[in-house]
Amino acid sequence: MSTLLEHRRLFALVVVAQLTDLVTFLAAIANVGIHAEQNPVARGLFGSLGSAGPAAYKVAAIGLIVLVLWRIAVRFPGYAGRSAALAVALGALGAWSNVAFGLLR
């Protein structure tokens, strides 16, 4: 538990970046449609479950990311910051692409 408290800011930043990706994704597909999505899993989930499908998929992915980061922080503390930075960068890249290709069209 102390690892979670010690790295709570890193974990929070990762969650915020990934949730930003999710929110911009949902707005982008509402604007341009699901056909613009490149992820076949997200497209399939959207086709069968609507917006709730990709949203649940992303929330599960965020949980897995946080779990992996927690494990890295416990086993390899020196890599926790770098790993979190990668997860934040990927979330930011996803959000940027959603805005650039879905919301600014």
C-alpha atoms as a PDB file:
ATOM      1  CA  MET A   1       0.000   0.000   0.000  1.00  0.00           C
ATOM      2  CA  SER A   2       2.831   2.426   0.724  1.00  0.00           C
ATOM      3  CA  THR A   3       3.951   2.159  -2.909  1.00  0.00           C
ATOM      4  CA  LEU A   4       0.567   3.426  -4.035  1.00  0.00           C
ATOM      5  CA  LEU A   5       0.758   6.362  -1.647  1.00  0.00           C
ATOM      6  CA  GLU A   6       4.357   7.104  -2.490  1.00  0.00           C
ATOM      7  CA  HIS A   7       3.668   7.205  -6.233  1.00  0.00           C
ATOM      8  CA  ARG A   8       0.081   8.456  -6.126  1.00  0.00           C
ATOM      9  CA  ARG A   9       0.871  11.563  -8.177  1.00  0.00           C
ATOM     10  CA  LEU A  10       2.409   9.451 -10.942  1.00  0.00           C
ATOM     11  CA  PHE A  11      -0.561   7.098 -10.951  1.00  0.00           C
ATOM     12  CA  ALA A  12      -3.010  10.019 -10.937  1.00  0.00           C
ATOM     13  CA  LEU A  13      -1.222  11.657 -13.867  1.00  0.00           C
ATOM     14  CA  VAL A  14      -1.375   8.404 -15.832  1.00  0.00           C
ATOM     15  CA  VAL A  15      -5.084   7.993 -15.110  1.00  0.00           C
ATOM     16  CA  VAL A  16      -5.838  11.605 -16.103  1.00  0.00           C
ATOM     17  CA  ALA A  17      -3.898  11.297 -19.373  1.00  0.00           C
ATOM     18  CA  GLN A  18      -5.599   8.019 -20.254  1.00  0.00           C
ATOM     19  CA  LEU A  19      -9.064   9.331 -19.325  1.00  0.00           C
ATOM     20  CA  THR A  20      -8.400  12.399 -21.496  1.00  0.00           C
ATOM     21  CA  ASP A  21      -7.751  10.008 -24.363  1.00  0.00           C
ATOM     22  CA  LEU A  22     -11.074   8.285 -23.626  1.00  0.00           C
ATOM     23  CA  VAL A  23     -13.081  11.524 -23.401  1.00  0.00           C
ATOM     24  CA  THR A  24     -11.613  12.921 -26.620  1.00  0.00           C
ATOM     25  CA  PHE A  25     -12.202   9.549 -28.320  1.00  0.00           C
ATOM     26  CA  LEU A  26     -15.879   9.591 -27.386  1.00  0.00           C
ATOM     27  CA  ALA A  27     -16.223  13.195 -28.601  1.00  0.00           C
ATOM     28  CA  ALA A  28     -14.362  12.446 -31.828  1.00  0.00           C
ATOM     29  CA  ILE A  29     -16.480   9.431 -32.760  1.00  0.00           C
ATOM     30  CA  ALA A  30     -19.607  11.460 -32.024  1.00  0.00           C
ATOM     31  CA  ASN A  31     -18.258  14.069 -34.465  1.00  0.00           C
ATOM     32  CA  VAL A  32     -16.878  11.945 -37.323  1.00  0.00           C
ATOM     33  CA  GLY A  33     -18.143   8.421 -36.648  1.00  0.00           C
ATOM     34  CA  ILE A  34     -16.504   5.180 -35.608  1.00  0.00           C
ATOM     35  CA  HIS A  35     -15.116   4.533 -39.106  1.00  0.00           C
ATOM     36  CA  ALA A  36     -12.224   6.882 -38.272  1.00  0.00           C
ATOM     37  CA  GLU A  37     -11.068   4.616 -35.414  1.00  0.00           C
ATOM     38  CA  GLN A  38      -8.035   2.526 -36.353  1.00  0.00           C
ATOM     39  CA  ASN A  39      -8.298   0.036 -33.469  1.00  0.00           C
ATOM     40  CA  PRO A  40     -10.355  -2.952 -34.670  1.00  0.00           C
ATOM     41  CA  VAL A  41     -11.159  -4.010 -31.104  1.00  0.00           C
ATOM     42  CA  ALA A  42     -12.610  -0.584 -30.280  1.00  0.00           C
ATOM     43  CA  ARG A  43     -14.554  -0.563 -33.565  1.00  0.00           C
ATOM     44  CA  GLY A  44     -15.961  -4.015 -32.871  1.00  0.00           C
ATOM     45  CA  LEU A  45     -16.934  -3.132 -29.322  1.00  0.00           C
ATOM     46  CA  PHE A  46     -18.570   0.055 -30.537  1.00  0.00           C
ATOM     47  CA  GLY A  47     -20.474  -1.886 -33.173  1.00  0.00           C
ATOM     48  CA  SER A  48     -21.889  -4.330 -30.645  1.00  0.00           C
ATOM     49  CA  LEU A  49     -22.171  -2.238 -27.468  1.00  0.00           C
ATOM     50  CA  GLY A  50     -22.133   1.395 -28.565  1.00  0.00           C
ATOM     51  CA  SER A  51     -19.947   3.898 -26.722  1.00  0.00           C
ATOM     52  CA  ALA A  52     -20.043   1.793 -23.561  1.00  0.00           C
ATOM     53  CA  GLY A  53     -17.970  -0.934 -25.232  1.00  0.00           C
ATOM     54  CA  PRO A  54     -14.829   1.086 -25.978  1.00  0.00           C
ATOM     55  CA  ALA A  55     -15.272   3.003 -22.705  1.00  0.00           C
ATOM     56  CA  ALA A  56     -15.276  -0.220 -20.654  1.00  0.00           C
ATOM     57  CA  TYR A  57     -12.310  -1.485 -22.683  1.00  0.00           C
ATOM     58  CA  LYS A  58     -10.357   1.711 -21.932  1.00  0.00           C
ATOM     59  CA  VAL A  59     -11.230   1.646 -18.230  1.00  0.00           C
ATOM     60  CA  ALA A  60     -10.022  -1.961 -18.037  1.00  0.00           C
ATOM     61  CA  ALA A  61      -6.834  -0.968 -19.872  1.00  0.00           C
ATOM     62  CA  ILE A  62      -6.261   1.891 -17.425  1.00  0.00           C
ATOM     63  CA  GLY A  63      -6.645  -0.538 -14.529  1.00  0.00           C
ATOM     64  CA  LEU A  64      -4.107  -2.867 -16.104  1.00  0.00           C
ATOM     65  CA  ILE A  65      -1.690  -0.001 -16.766  1.00  0.00           C
ATOM     66  CA  VAL A  66      -1.900   1.138 -13.137  1.00  0.00           C
ATOM     67  CA  LEU A  67      -1.412  -2.437 -11.927  1.00  0.00           C
ATOM     68  CA  VAL A  68       1.689  -2.863 -14.094  1.00  0.00           C
ATOM     69  CA  LEU A  69       3.053   0.520 -12.967  1.00  0.00           C
ATOM     70  CA  TRP A  70       2.471  -0.439  -9.348  1.00  0.00           C
ATOM     71  CA  ARG A  71       4.386  -3.676  -9.906  1.00  0.00           C
ATOM     72  CA  ILE A  72       7.237  -1.790 -11.584  1.00  0.00           C
ATOM     73  CA  ALA A  73       7.332   0.696  -8.702  1.00  0.00           C
ATOM     74  CA  VAL A  74       7.586  -2.170  -6.195  1.00  0.00           C
ATOM     75  CA  ARG A  75      10.169  -4.250  -8.040  1.00  0.00           C
ATOM     76  CA  PHE A  76      12.140  -1.576  -9.913  1.00  0.00           C
ATOM     77  CA  PRO A  77      11.521   1.795  -8.226  1.00  0.00           C
ATOM     78  CA  GLY A  78      14.004   3.583 -10.447  1.00  0.00           C
ATOM     79  CA  TYR A  79      11.870   2.824 -13.490  1.00  0.00           C
ATOM     80  CA  ALA A  80       8.539   3.988 -12.062  1.00  0.00           C
ATOM     81  CA  GLY A  81       8.880   7.546 -13.320  1.00  0.00           C
ATOM     82  CA  ARG A  82       9.980   6.534 -16.803  1.00  0.00           C
ATOM     83  CA  SER A  83       7.222   3.966 -17.093  1.00  0.00           C
ATOM     84  CA  ALA A  84       4.617   6.468 -15.945  1.00  0.00           C
ATOM     85  CA  ALA A  85       5.990   9.037 -18.395  1.00  0.00           C
ATOM     86  CA  LEU A  86       5.525   6.543 -21.223  1.00  0.00           C
ATOM     87  CA  ALA A  87       1.924   5.839 -20.188  1.00  0.00           C
ATOM     88  CA  VAL A  88       1.228   9.583 -19.948  1.00  0.00           C
ATOM     89  CA  ALA A  89       2.830  10.208 -23.343  1.00  0.00           C
ATOM     90  CA  LEU A  90       0.731   7.482 -24.964  1.00  0.00           C
ATOM     91  CA  GLY A  91      -2.449   8.895 -23.433  1.00  0.00           C
ATOM     92  CA  ALA A  92      -1.504  12.401 -24.571  1.00  0.00           C
ATOM     93  CA  LEU A  93      -0.712  11.147 -28.074  1.00  0.00           C
ATOM     94  CA  GLY A  94      -4.081   9.406 -28.242  1.00  0.00           C
ATOM     95  CA  ALA A  95      -5.886  12.531 -27.051  1.00  0.00           C
ATOM     96  CA  TRP A  96      -3.977  14.688 -29.529  1.00  0.00           C
ATOM     97  CA  SER A  97      -4.851  12.403 -32.441  1.00  0.00           C
ATOM     98  CA  ASN A  98      -8.502  12.357 -31.378  1.00  0.00           C
ATOM     99  CA  VAL A  99      -8.574  16.144 -31.353  1.00  0.00           C
ATOM    100  CA  ALA A 100      -6.558  16.578 -34.550  1.00  0.00           C
ATOM    101  CA  PHE A 101      -8.390  13.987 -36.630  1.00  0.00           C
ATOM    102  CA  GLY A 102     -11.803  13.839 -34.990  1.00  0.00           C
ATOM    103  CA  LEU A 103     -12.667  17.122 -33.363  1.00  0.00           C
ATOM    104  CA  LEU A 104     -11.009  19.640 -35.660  1.00  0.00           C
ATOM    105  CA  ARG A 105     -12.583  18.307 -38.855  1.00  0.00           C
END
